[in-house]
Amino acid sequence: VELNINYTGSLLNGKVFDTTDEKIAKDHGIYSASKSYEPMVINISENNDNGYNDVSMSSGSSNSDVIEGFARALGKMKKGEKGIAIFYSNMGYKDQASSNIPAFSPLRFDLEMIGLK
């Protein structure tokens, strides 16, 4: 199943580290002219019993796995829904830092599922 989503990822202190919204990126000082600010394509395996294990994100011609908390939240959403996912670091990047995300960081994602194929 292919999903189209908009999202904003932030730390619990409100610091935004990633978004599909150009205005939010500019407002939070993370804008990059080389990034395409448009809905992300997410792929979820239809043969998945628990709704979240086989999830990957497409950006241009590359695919990457998504963190568990993000995947679990998407697995619970339906087309047209908006939601907020907040989870501990064990469902995020755990003890690994990732760009603007310190190790052991709980994360928040504001999600909007805008399309489903």
PDB file of N, CA and C in Angstrom:
ATOM      1  N   VAL A   1       0.850  -1.175   0.000  1.00  0.00           N
ATOM      2  CA  VAL A   1       0.000   0.000   0.000  1.00  0.00           C
ATOM      3  C   VAL A   1       0.896   1.238   0.000  1.00  0.00           C
ATOM      4  N   GLU A   2       0.573   2.191  -0.832  1.00  0.00           N
ATOM      5  CA  GLU A   2       1.345   3.431  -0.914  1.00  0.00           C
ATOM      6  C   GLU A   2       0.537   4.573  -0.303  1.00  0.00           C
ATOM      7  N   LEU A   3       1.133   5.287   0.644  1.00  0.00           N
ATOM      8  CA  LEU A   3       0.494   6.401   1.327  1.00  0.00           C
ATOM      9  C   LEU A   3       1.201   7.699   0.977  1.00  0.00           C
ATOM     10  N   ASN A   4       0.472   8.793   0.954  1.00  0.00           N
ATOM     11  CA  ASN A   4       1.063  10.124   0.818  1.00  0.00           C
ATOM     12  C   ASN A   4       0.772  10.861   2.107  1.00  0.00           C
ATOM     13  N   ILE A   5       1.829  11.353   2.746  1.00  0.00           N
ATOM     14  CA  ILE A   5       1.652  12.010   4.037  1.00  0.00           C
ATOM     15  C   ILE A   5       2.423  13.323   4.100  1.00  0.00           C
ATOM     16  N   ASN A   6       1.933  14.205   4.939  1.00  0.00           N
ATOM     17  CA  ASN A   6       2.682  15.375   5.375  1.00  0.00           C
ATOM     18  C   ASN A   6       3.029  15.146   6.831  1.00  0.00           C
ATOM     19  N   TYR A   7       4.181  15.624   7.248  1.00  0.00           N
ATOM     20  CA  TYR A   7       4.569  15.448   8.642  1.00  0.00           C
ATOM     21  C   TYR A   7       5.514  16.553   9.087  1.00  0.00           C
ATOM     22  N   THR A   8       5.559  16.728  10.399  1.00  0.00           N
ATOM     23  CA  THR A   8       6.563  17.576  11.035  1.00  0.00           C
ATOM     24  C   THR A   8       7.085  16.809  12.235  1.00  0.00           C
ATOM     25  N   GLY A   9       8.396  16.629  12.286  1.00  0.00           N
ATOM     26  CA  GLY A   9       9.034  15.938  13.401  1.00  0.00           C
ATOM     27  C   GLY A   9       9.719  16.942  14.301  1.00  0.00           C
ATOM     28  N   SER A  10       9.537  16.766  15.615  1.00  0.00           N
ATOM     29  CA  SER A  10      10.168  17.690  16.563  1.00  0.00           C
ATOM     30  C   SER A  10      10.572  16.958  17.836  1.00  0.00           C
ATOM     31  N   LEU A  11      11.466  17.597  18.575  1.00  0.00           N
ATOM     32  CA  LEU A  11      11.813  17.139  19.911  1.00  0.00           C
ATOM     33  C   LEU A  11      10.706  17.609  20.852  1.00  0.00           C
ATOM     34  N   LEU A  12      10.665  17.089  22.054  1.00  0.00           N
ATOM     35  CA  LEU A  12       9.605  17.480  22.980  1.00  0.00           C
ATOM     36  C   LEU A  12       9.720  18.928  23.435  1.00  0.00           C
ATOM     37  N   ASN A  13      10.885  19.545  23.250  1.00  0.00           N
ATOM     38  CA  ASN A  13      11.036  20.967  23.584  1.00  0.00           C
ATOM     39  C   ASN A  13      10.543  21.876  22.463  1.00  0.00           C
ATOM     40  N   GLY A  14       9.989  21.282  21.395  1.00  0.00           N
ATOM     41  CA  GLY A  14       9.440  22.060  20.286  1.00  0.00           C
ATOM     42  C   GLY A  14      10.397  22.284  19.130  1.00  0.00           C
ATOM     43  N   LYS A  15      11.668  21.900  19.262  1.00  0.00           N
ATOM     44  CA  LYS A  15      12.634  22.101  18.181  1.00  0.00           C
ATOM     45  C   LYS A  15      12.327  21.155  17.015  1.00  0.00           C
ATOM     46  N   VAL A  16      11.969  21.752  15.868  1.00  0.00           N
ATOM     47  CA  VAL A  16      11.620  20.987  14.669  1.00  0.00           C
ATOM     48  C   VAL A  16      12.913  20.521  13.988  1.00  0.00           C
ATOM     49  N   PHE A  17      12.950  19.225  13.635  1.00  0.00           N
ATOM     50  CA  PHE A  17      14.132  18.692  12.948  1.00  0.00           C
ATOM     51  C   PHE A  17      13.842  18.271  11.514  1.00  0.00           C
ATOM     52  N   ASP A  18      12.562  18.109  11.146  1.00  0.00           N
ATOM     53  CA  ASP A  18      12.234  17.725   9.770  1.00  0.00           C
ATOM     54  C   ASP A  18      10.755  18.007   9.511  1.00  0.00           C
ATOM     55  N   THR A  19      10.434  18.331   8.265  1.00  0.00           N
ATOM     56  CA  THR A  19       9.052  18.599   7.883  1.00  0.00           C
ATOM     57  C   THR A  19       8.890  18.507   6.377  1.00  0.00           C
ATOM     58  N   THR A  20       7.667  18.281   5.945  1.00  0.00           N
ATOM     59  CA  THR A  20       7.342  18.339   4.522  1.00  0.00           C
ATOM     60  C   THR A  20       6.733  19.694   4.161  1.00  0.00           C
ATOM     61  N   ASP A  21       6.625  20.597   5.136  1.00  0.00           N
ATOM     62  CA  ASP A  21       5.998  21.906   4.959  1.00  0.00           C
ATOM     63  C   ASP A  21       7.068  22.994   4.866  1.00  0.00           C
ATOM     64  N   GLU A  22       7.154  23.639   3.704  1.00  0.00           N
ATOM     65  CA  GLU A  22       8.181  24.661   3.467  1.00  0.00           C
ATOM     66  C   GLU A  22       8.084  25.818   4.464  1.00  0.00           C
ATOM     67  N   LYS A  23       6.878  26.279   4.769  1.00  0.00           N
ATOM     68  CA  LYS A  23       6.713  27.393   5.704  1.00  0.00           C
ATOM     69  C   LYS A  23       7.207  27.017   7.102  1.00  0.00           C
ATOM     70  N   ILE A  24       6.859  25.818   7.556  1.00  0.00           N
ATOM     71  CA  ILE A  24       7.331  25.371   8.867  1.00  0.00           C
ATOM     72  C   ILE A  24       8.855  25.289   8.874  1.00  0.00           C
ATOM     73  N   ALA A  25       9.438  24.773   7.801  1.00  0.00           N
ATOM     74  CA  ALA A  25      10.900  24.685   7.710  1.00  0.00           C
ATOM     75  C   ALA A  25      11.536  26.077   7.808  1.00  0.00           C
ATOM     76  N   LYS A  26      10.984  27.038   7.094  1.00  0.00           N
ATOM     77  CA  LYS A  26      11.520  28.405   7.147  1.00  0.00           C
ATOM     78  C   LYS A  26      11.321  29.016   8.525  1.00  0.00           C
ATOM     79  N   ASP A  27      10.151  28.822   9.121  1.00  0.00           N
ATOM     80  CA  ASP A  27       9.857  29.380  10.442  1.00  0.00           C
ATOM     81  C   ASP A  27      10.788  28.838  11.523  1.00  0.00           C
ATOM     82  N   HIS A  28      11.270  27.599  11.343  1.00  0.00           N
ATOM     83  CA  HIS A  28      12.111  26.956  12.362  1.00  0.00           C
ATOM     84  C   HIS A  28      13.587  26.906  11.974  1.00  0.00           C
ATOM     85  N   GLY A  29      13.955  27.605  10.907  1.00  0.00           N
ATOM     86  CA  GLY A  29      15.364  27.710  10.532  1.00  0.00           C
ATOM     87  C   GLY A  29      15.994  26.433  10.013  1.00  0.00           C
ATOM     88  N   ILE A  30      15.186  25.525   9.443  1.00  0.00           N
ATOM     89  CA  ILE A  30      15.744  24.287   8.897  1.00  0.00           C
ATOM     90  C   ILE A  30      15.514  24.172   7.390  1.00  0.00           C
ATOM     91  N   TYR A  31      15.095  25.244   6.766  1.00  0.00           N
ATOM     92  CA  TYR A  31      14.809  25.236   5.328  1.00  0.00           C
ATOM     93  C   TYR A  31      16.074  24.928   4.531  1.00  0.00           C
ATOM     94  N   SER A  32      15.905  24.105   3.504  1.00  0.00           N
ATOM     95  CA  SER A  32      16.989  23.804   2.577  1.00  0.00           C
ATOM     96  C   SER A  32      16.440  23.926   1.160  1.00  0.00           C
ATOM     97  N   ALA A  33      17.070  24.764   0.335  1.00  0.00           N
ATOM     98  CA  ALA A  33      16.610  24.958  -1.041  1.00  0.00           C
ATOM     99  C   ALA A  33      16.727  23.669  -1.857  1.00  0.00           C
ATOM    100  N   SER A  34      17.567  22.732  -1.426  1.00  0.00           N
ATOM    101  CA  SER A  34      17.751  21.488  -2.176  1.00  0.00           C
ATOM    102  C   SER A  34      16.690  20.433  -1.829  1.00  0.00           C
ATOM    103  N   LYS A  35      15.884  20.702  -0.826  1.00  0.00           N
ATOM    104  CA  LYS A  35      14.845  19.748  -0.430  1.00  0.00           C
ATOM    105  C   LYS A  35      13.531  20.080  -1.123  1.00  0.00           C
ATOM    106  N   SER A  36      12.816  19.037  -1.521  1.00  0.00           N
ATOM    107  CA  SER A  36      11.503  19.210  -2.123  1.00  0.00           C
ATOM    108  C   SER A  36      10.458  19.135  -1.018  1.00  0.00           C
ATOM    109  N   TYR A  37       9.744  20.208  -0.769  1.00  0.00           N
ATOM    110  CA  TYR A  37       8.729  20.254   0.282  1.00  0.00           C
ATOM    111  C   TYR A  37       7.381  19.861  -0.306  1.00  0.00           C
ATOM    112  N   GLU A  38       7.116  18.575  -0.264  1.00  0.00           N
ATOM    113  CA  GLU A  38       5.885  18.008  -0.788  1.00  0.00           C
ATOM    114  C   GLU A  38       5.579  16.749   0.015  1.00  0.00           C
ATOM    115  N   PRO A  39       4.363  16.222  -0.107  1.00  0.00           N
ATOM    116  CA  PRO A  39       4.029  15.014   0.654  1.00  0.00           C
ATOM    117  C   PRO A  39       5.025  13.887   0.393  1.00  0.00           C
ATOM    118  N   MET A  40       5.323  13.127   1.440  1.00  0.00           N
ATOM    119  CA  MET A  40       6.212  11.973   1.342  1.00  0.00           C
ATOM    120  C   MET A  40       5.416  10.758   0.922  1.00  0.00           C
ATOM    121  N   VAL A  41       6.053   9.872   0.194  1.00  0.00           N
ATOM    122  CA  VAL A  41       5.449   8.607  -0.189  1.00  0.00           C
ATOM    123  C   VAL A  41       5.942   7.548   0.796  1.00  0.00           C
ATOM    124  N   ILE A  42       4.999   6.865   1.427  1.00  0.00           N
ATOM    125  CA  ILE A  42       5.298   5.817   2.391  1.00  0.00           C
ATOM    126  C   ILE A  42       4.733   4.509   1.848  1.00  0.00           C
ATOM    127  N   ASN A  43       5.499   3.450   1.916  1.00  0.00           N
ATOM    128  CA  ASN A  43       5.053   2.133   1.449  1.00  0.00           C
ATOM    129  C   ASN A  43       4.911   1.192   2.635  1.00  0.00           C
ATOM    130  N   ILE A  44       3.744   0.549   2.752  1.00  0.00           N
ATOM    131  CA  ILE A  44       3.498  -0.430   3.798  1.00  0.00           C
ATOM    132  C   ILE A  44       3.134  -1.744   3.131  1.00  0.00           C
ATOM    133  N   SER A  45       3.791  -2.827   3.527  1.00  0.00           N
ATOM    134  CA  SER A  45       3.513  -4.140   2.966  1.00  0.00           C
ATOM    135  C   SER A  45       2.090  -4.573   3.305  1.00  0.00           C
ATOM    136  N   GLU A  46       1.357  -5.050   2.317  1.00  0.00           N
ATOM    137  CA  GLU A  46      -0.016  -5.516   2.545  1.00  0.00           C
ATOM    138  C   GLU A  46      -0.052  -6.842   3.300  1.00  0.00           C
ATOM    139  N   ASN A  47       1.034  -7.579   3.300  1.00  0.00           N
ATOM    140  CA  ASN A  47       1.085  -8.879   3.969  1.00  0.00           C
ATOM    141  C   ASN A  47       1.509  -8.748   5.420  1.00  0.00           C
ATOM    142  N   ASN A  48       1.417  -7.574   5.957  1.00  0.00           N
ATOM    143  CA  ASN A  48       1.901  -7.284   7.296  1.00  0.00           C
ATOM    144  C   ASN A  48       0.781  -7.471   8.317  1.00  0.00           C
ATOM    145  N   ASP A  49       0.931  -8.416   9.230  1.00  0.00           N
ATOM    146  CA  ASP A  49      -0.104  -8.705  10.221  1.00  0.00           C
ATOM    147  C   ASP A  49      -0.294  -7.611  11.258  1.00  0.00           C
ATOM    148  N   ASN A  50       0.780  -6.952  11.676  1.00  0.00           N
ATOM    149  CA  ASN A  50       0.644  -5.976  12.761  1.00  0.00           C
ATOM    150  C   ASN A  50       0.538  -4.543  12.277  1.00  0.00           C
ATOM    151  N   GLY A  51       0.577  -4.290  10.965  1.00  0.00           N
ATOM    152  CA  GLY A  51       0.304  -2.962  10.443  1.00  0.00           C
ATOM    153  C   GLY A  51       1.467  -1.997  10.444  1.00  0.00           C
ATOM    154  N   TYR A  52       2.659  -2.421  10.869  1.00  0.00           N
ATOM    155  CA  TYR A  52       3.725  -1.435  10.886  1.00  0.00           C
ATOM    156  C   TYR A  52       5.129  -1.949  10.621  1.00  0.00           C
ATOM    157  N   ASN A  53       5.385  -3.221  10.537  1.00  0.00           N
ATOM    158  CA  ASN A  53       6.768  -3.686  10.421  1.00  0.00           C
ATOM    159  C   ASN A  53       7.452  -3.323   9.107  1.00  0.00           C
ATOM    160  N   ASP A  54       6.798  -3.557   7.994  1.00  0.00           N
ATOM    161  CA  ASP A  54       7.427  -3.386   6.688  1.00  0.00           C
ATOM    162  C   ASP A  54       7.049  -2.033   6.100  1.00  0.00           C
ATOM    163  N   VAL A  55       7.685  -0.985   6.614  1.00  0.00           N
ATOM    164  CA  VAL A  55       7.353   0.374   6.219  1.00  0.00           C
ATOM    165  C   VAL A  55       8.616   1.054   5.709  1.00  0.00           C
ATOM    166  N   SER A  56       8.537   1.702   4.549  1.00  0.00           N
ATOM    167  CA  SER A  56       9.673   2.461   4.035  1.00  0.00           C
ATOM    168  C   SER A  56       9.183   3.788   3.471  1.00  0.00           C
ATOM    169  N   MET A  57      10.083   4.752   3.438  1.00  0.00           N
ATOM    170  CA  MET A  57       9.781   6.096   2.963  1.00  0.00           C
ATOM    171  C   MET A  57      10.527   6.331   1.660  1.00  0.00           C
ATOM    172  N   SER A  58       9.824   6.860   0.663  1.00  0.00           N
ATOM    173  CA  SER A  58      10.449   7.168  -0.625  1.00  0.00           C
ATOM    174  C   SER A  58      10.665   8.663  -0.749  1.00  0.00           C
ATOM    175  N   SER A  59      11.843   9.018  -1.188  1.00  0.00           N
ATOM    176  CA  SER A  59      12.161  10.414  -1.464  1.00  0.00           C
ATOM    177  C   SER A  59      12.933  10.431  -2.769  1.00  0.00           C
ATOM    178  N   GLY A  60      12.284  10.858  -3.830  1.00  0.00           N
ATOM    179  CA  GLY A  60      12.919  10.800  -5.140  1.00  0.00           C
ATOM    180  C   GLY A  60      13.079   9.351  -5.552  1.00  0.00           C
ATOM    181  N   SER A  61      14.320   8.924  -5.821  1.00  0.00           N
ATOM    182  CA  SER A  61      14.546   7.546  -6.260  1.00  0.00           C
ATOM    183  C   SER A  61      15.074   6.658  -5.140  1.00  0.00           C
ATOM    184  N   SER A  62      15.163   7.167  -3.913  1.00  0.00           N
ATOM    185  CA  SER A  62      15.709   6.358  -2.826  1.00  0.00           C
ATOM    186  C   SER A  62      14.630   5.972  -1.828  1.00  0.00           C
ATOM    187  N   ASN A  63      14.818   4.824  -1.195  1.00  0.00           N
ATOM    188  CA  ASN A  63      13.921   4.333  -0.146  1.00  0.00           C
ATOM    189  C   ASN A  63      14.709   4.211   1.146  1.00  0.00           C
ATOM    190  N   SER A  64      14.054   4.444   2.270  1.00  0.00           N
ATOM    191  CA  SER A  64      14.694   4.226   3.557  1.00  0.00           C
ATOM    192  C   SER A  64      13.637   3.750   4.544  1.00  0.00           C
ATOM    193  N   ASP A  65      14.086   2.963   5.522  1.00  0.00           N
ATOM    194  CA  ASP A  65      13.172   2.497   6.563  1.00  0.00           C
ATOM    195  C   ASP A  65      12.822   3.668   7.462  1.00  0.00           C
ATOM    196  N   VAL A  66      11.662   3.589   8.076  1.00  0.00           N
ATOM    197  CA  VAL A  66      11.258   4.619   9.024  1.00  0.00           C
ATOM    198  C   VAL A  66      11.387   4.070  10.430  1.00  0.00           C
ATOM    199  N   ILE A  67      11.504   4.953  11.411  1.00  0.00           N
ATOM    200  CA  ILE A  67      11.626   4.515  12.793  1.00  0.00           C
ATOM    201  C   ILE A  67      10.318   3.895  13.273  1.00  0.00           C
ATOM    202  N   GLU A  68      10.414   3.032  14.256  1.00  0.00           N
ATOM    203  CA  GLU A  68       9.274   2.235  14.699  1.00  0.00           C
ATOM    204  C   GLU A  68       8.077   3.077  15.148  1.00  0.00           C
ATOM    205  N   GLY A  69       8.289   4.122  15.936  1.00  0.00           N
ATOM    206  CA  GLY A  69       7.170   4.945  16.413  1.00  0.00           C
ATOM    207  C   GLY A  69       6.411   5.602  15.278  1.00  0.00           C
ATOM    208  N   PHE A  70       7.131   6.089  14.286  1.00  0.00           N
ATOM    209  CA  PHE A  70       6.540   6.702  13.093  1.00  0.00           C
ATOM    210  C   PHE A  70       5.719   5.653  12.339  1.00  0.00           C
ATOM    211  N   ALA A  71       6.300   4.471  12.149  1.00  0.00           N
ATOM    212  CA  ALA A  71       5.627   3.393  11.423  1.00  0.00           C
ATOM    213  C   ALA A  71       4.366   2.933  12.146  1.00  0.00           C
ATOM    214  N   ARG A  72       4.441   2.784  13.461  1.00  0.00           N
ATOM    215  CA  ARG A  72       3.266   2.346  14.232  1.00  0.00           C
ATOM    216  C   ARG A  72       2.124   3.357  14.109  1.00  0.00           C
ATOM    217  N   ALA A  73       2.452   4.638  14.184  1.00  0.00           N
ATOM    218  CA  ALA A  73       1.416   5.677  14.075  1.00  0.00           C
ATOM    219  C   ALA A  73       0.746   5.623  12.708  1.00  0.00           C
ATOM    220  N   LEU A  74       1.532   5.499  11.644  1.00  0.00           N
ATOM    221  CA  LEU A  74       0.962   5.437  10.295  1.00  0.00           C
ATOM    222  C   LEU A  74       0.090   4.204  10.117  1.00  0.00           C
ATOM    223  N   GLY A  75       0.474   3.096  10.748  1.00  0.00           N
ATOM    224  CA  GLY A  75      -0.287   1.873  10.647  1.00  0.00           C
ATOM    225  C   GLY A  75      -1.679   1.979  11.255  1.00  0.00           C
ATOM    226  N   LYS A  76      -1.905   2.977  12.103  1.00  0.00           N
ATOM    227  CA  LYS A  76      -3.201   3.174  12.763  1.00  0.00           C
ATOM    228  C   LYS A  76      -4.070   4.223  12.080  1.00  0.00           C
ATOM    229  N   MET A  77      -3.524   4.930  11.079  1.00  0.00           N
ATOM    230  CA  MET A  77      -4.241   6.050  10.471  1.00  0.00           C
ATOM    231  C   MET A  77      -4.992   5.654   9.211  1.00  0.00           C
ATOM    232  N   LYS A  78      -6.003   6.445   8.880  1.00  0.00           N
ATOM    233  CA  LYS A  78      -6.785   6.285   7.661  1.00  0.00           C
ATOM    234  C   LYS A  78      -6.654   7.551   6.817  1.00  0.00           C
ATOM    235  N   LYS A  79      -6.970   7.431   5.538  1.00  0.00           N
ATOM    236  CA  LYS A  79      -6.914   8.566   4.618  1.00  0.00           C
ATOM    237  C   LYS A  79      -7.709   9.750   5.177  1.00  0.00           C
ATOM    238  N   GLY A  80      -7.098  10.921   5.120  1.00  0.00           N
ATOM    239  CA  GLY A  80      -7.744  12.146   5.562  1.00  0.00           C
ATOM    240  C   GLY A  80      -7.541  12.455   7.038  1.00  0.00           C
ATOM    241  N   GLU A  81      -6.988  11.522   7.789  1.00  0.00           N
ATOM    242  CA  GLU A  81      -6.796  11.747   9.219  1.00  0.00           C
ATOM    243  C   GLU A  81      -5.541  12.544   9.514  1.00  0.00           C
ATOM    244  N   LYS A  82      -5.602  13.286  10.607  1.00  0.00           N
ATOM    245  CA  LYS A  82      -4.437  13.950  11.173  1.00  0.00           C
ATOM    246  C   LYS A  82      -4.210  13.335  12.541  1.00  0.00           C
ATOM    247  N   GLY A  83      -2.955  13.276  12.948  1.00  0.00           N
ATOM    248  CA  GLY A  83      -2.659  12.714  14.252  1.00  0.00           C
ATOM    249  C   GLY A  83      -1.337  13.211  14.786  1.00  0.00           C
ATOM    250  N   ILE A  84      -1.130  12.965  16.058  1.00  0.00           N
ATOM    251  CA  ILE A  84       0.125  13.301  16.720  1.00  0.00           C
ATOM    252  C   ILE A  84       0.663  12.018  17.334  1.00  0.00           C
ATOM    253  N   ALA A  85       1.901  11.679  17.027  1.00  0.00           N
ATOM    254  CA  ALA A  85       2.561  10.518  17.614  1.00  0.00           C
ATOM    255  C   ALA A  85       3.693  11.023  18.499  1.00  0.00           C
ATOM    256  N   ILE A  86       3.687  10.620  19.756  1.00  0.00           N
ATOM    257  CA  ILE A  86       4.765  10.956  20.690  1.00  0.00           C
ATOM    258  C   ILE A  86       5.264   9.635  21.252  1.00  0.00           C
ATOM    259  N   PHE A  87       6.578   9.418  21.189  1.00  0.00           N
ATOM    260  CA  PHE A  87       7.112   8.145  21.661  1.00  0.00           C
ATOM    261  C   PHE A  87       8.524   8.301  22.217  1.00  0.00           C
ATOM    262  N   TYR A  88       8.882   7.346  23.079  1.00  0.00           N
ATOM    263  CA  TYR A  88      10.200   7.313  23.703  1.00  0.00           C
ATOM    264  C   TYR A  88      11.273   6.969  22.682  1.00  0.00           C
ATOM    265  N   SER A  89      12.514   7.174  23.066  1.00  0.00           N
ATOM    266  CA  SER A  89      13.641   6.935  22.172  1.00  0.00           C
ATOM    267  C   SER A  89      13.760   5.476  21.737  1.00  0.00           C
ATOM    268  N   ASN A  90      13.230   4.527  22.529  1.00  0.00           N
ATOM    269  CA  ASN A  90      13.336   3.123  22.120  1.00  0.00           C
ATOM    270  C   ASN A  90      12.528   2.830  20.858  1.00  0.00           C
ATOM    271  N   MET A  91      11.607   3.726  20.469  1.00  0.00           N
ATOM    272  CA  MET A  91      10.875   3.595  19.207  1.00  0.00           C
ATOM    273  C   MET A  91      11.370   4.615  18.192  1.00  0.00           C
ATOM    274  N   GLY A  92      12.427   5.331  18.531  1.00  0.00           N
ATOM    275  CA  GLY A  92      13.009   6.329  17.639  1.00  0.00           C
ATOM    276  C   GLY A  92      14.422   5.934  17.246  1.00  0.00           C
ATOM    277  N   TYR A  93      15.365   6.783  17.587  1.00  0.00           N
ATOM    278  CA  TYR A  93      16.759   6.539  17.209  1.00  0.00           C
ATOM    279  C   TYR A  93      17.581   5.927  18.335  1.00  0.00           C
ATOM    280  N   LYS A  94      16.925   5.573  19.442  1.00  0.00           N
ATOM    281  CA  LYS A  94      17.533   4.888  20.582  1.00  0.00           C
ATOM    282  C   LYS A  94      18.756   5.660  21.084  1.00  0.00           C
ATOM    283  N   ASP A  95      19.900   4.994  21.147  1.00  0.00           N
ATOM    284  CA  ASP A  95      21.108   5.618  21.673  1.00  0.00           C
ATOM    285  C   ASP A  95      21.954   6.274  20.583  1.00  0.00           C
ATOM    286  N   GLN A  96      21.405   6.383  19.378  1.00  0.00           N
ATOM    287  CA  GLN A  96      22.130   6.976  18.252  1.00  0.00           C
ATOM    288  C   GLN A  96      21.630   8.391  17.964  1.00  0.00           C
ATOM    289  N   ALA A  97      22.547   9.313  17.811  1.00  0.00           N
ATOM    290  CA  ALA A  97      22.177  10.658  17.367  1.00  0.00           C
ATOM    291  C   ALA A  97      21.937  10.599  15.857  1.00  0.00           C
ATOM    292  N   SER A  98      21.034  11.418  15.358  1.00  0.00           N
ATOM    293  CA  SER A  98      20.741  11.462  13.933  1.00  0.00           C
ATOM    294  C   SER A  98      20.544  12.916  13.528  1.00  0.00           C
ATOM    295  N   SER A  99      21.461  13.469  12.791  1.00  0.00           N
ATOM    296  CA  SER A  99      21.500  14.883  12.377  1.00  0.00           C
ATOM    297  C   SER A  99      21.161  15.805  13.554  1.00  0.00           C
ATOM    298  N   ASN A 100      19.984  16.401  13.592  1.00  0.00           N
ATOM    299  CA  ASN A 100      19.631  17.348  14.661  1.00  0.00           C
ATOM    300  C   ASN A 100      18.928  16.691  15.850  1.00  0.00           C
ATOM    301  N   ILE A 101      18.982  15.374  15.931  1.00  0.00           N
ATOM    302  CA  ILE A 101      18.289  14.644  16.995  1.00  0.00           C
ATOM    303  C   ILE A 101      19.330  14.026  17.924  1.00  0.00           C
ATOM    304  N   PRO A 102      19.392  14.468  19.184  1.00  0.00           N
ATOM    305  CA  PRO A 102      20.336  13.861  20.125  1.00  0.00           C
ATOM    306  C   PRO A 102      19.955  12.411  20.454  1.00  0.00           C
ATOM    307  N   ALA A 103      20.925  11.613  20.867  1.00  0.00           N
ATOM    308  CA  ALA A 103      20.663  10.246  21.311  1.00  0.00           C
ATOM    309  C   ALA A 103      19.663  10.264  22.469  1.00  0.00           C
ATOM    310  N   PHE A 104      18.910   9.196  22.608  1.00  0.00           N
ATOM    311  CA  PHE A 104      17.927   8.998  23.679  1.00  0.00           C
ATOM    312  C   PHE A 104      16.817  10.053  23.693  1.00  0.00           C
ATOM    313  N   SER A 105      16.477  10.612  22.540  1.00  0.00           N
ATOM    314  CA  SER A 105      15.446  11.655  22.471  1.00  0.00           C
ATOM    315  C   SER A 105      14.061  11.082  22.223  1.00  0.00           C
ATOM    316  N   PRO A 106      13.090  11.403  23.104  1.00  0.00           N
ATOM    317  CA  PRO A 106      11.697  11.120  22.746  1.00  0.00           C
ATOM    318  C   PRO A 106      11.310  12.068  21.613  1.00  0.00           C
ATOM    319  N   LEU A 107      10.421  11.621  20.735  1.00  0.00           N
ATOM    320  CA  LEU A 107      10.081  12.403  19.543  1.00  0.00           C
ATOM    321  C   LEU A 107       8.580  12.622  19.427  1.00  0.00           C
ATOM    322  N   ARG A 108       8.242  13.689  18.690  1.00  0.00           N
ATOM    323  CA  ARG A 108       6.851  14.008  18.368  1.00  0.00           C
ATOM    324  C   ARG A 108       6.753  14.176  16.855  1.00  0.00           C
ATOM    325  N   PHE A 109       5.728  13.573  16.268  1.00  0.00           N
ATOM    326  CA  PHE A 109       5.440  13.759  14.849  1.00  0.00           C
ATOM    327  C   PHE A 109       3.991  14.184  14.695  1.00  0.00           C
ATOM    328  N   ASP A 110       3.769  15.302  14.013  1.00  0.00           N
ATOM    329  CA  ASP A 110       2.439  15.727  13.599  1.00  0.00           C
ATOM    330  C   ASP A 110       2.249  15.161  12.199  1.00  0.00           C
ATOM    331  N   LEU A 111       1.235  14.337  12.028  1.00  0.00           N
ATOM    332  CA  LEU A 111       1.038  13.586  10.795  1.00  0.00           C
ATOM    333  C   LEU A 111      -0.287  13.924  10.141  1.00  0.00           C
ATOM    334  N   GLU A 112      -0.293  13.882   8.812  1.00  0.00           N
ATOM    335  CA  GLU A 112      -1.525  14.032   8.041  1.00  0.00           C
ATOM    336  C   GLU A 112      -1.463  13.066   6.884  1.00  0.00           C
ATOM    337  N   MET A 113      -2.381  12.116   6.838  1.00  0.00           N
ATOM    338  CA  MET A 113      -2.434  11.171   5.733  1.00  0.00           C
ATOM    339  C   MET A 113      -3.343  11.764   4.665  1.00  0.00           C
ATOM    340  N   ILE A 114      -2.749  12.171   3.554  1.00  0.00           N
ATOM    341  CA  ILE A 114      -3.524  12.880   2.540  1.00  0.00           C
ATOM    342  C   ILE A 114      -3.903  12.014   1.354  1.00  0.00           C
ATOM    343  N   GLY A 115      -3.289  10.844   1.224  1.00  0.00           N
ATOM    344  CA  GLY A 115      -3.626   9.998   0.084  1.00  0.00           C
ATOM    345  C   GLY A 115      -3.285   8.555   0.349  1.00  0.00           C
ATOM    346  N   LEU A 116      -3.950   7.672  -0.383  1.00  0.00           N
ATOM    347  CA  LEU A 116      -3.773   6.235  -0.237  1.00  0.00           C
ATOM    348  C   LEU A 116      -3.952   5.608  -1.605  1.00  0.00           C
ATOM    349  N   LYS A 117      -3.017   4.733  -1.998  1.00  0.00           N
ATOM    350  CA  LYS A 117      -3.139   4.035  -3.291  1.00  0.00           C
ATOM    351  C   LYS A 117      -3.206   2.538  -3.045  1.00  0.00           C
TER     352      LYS A 117
END
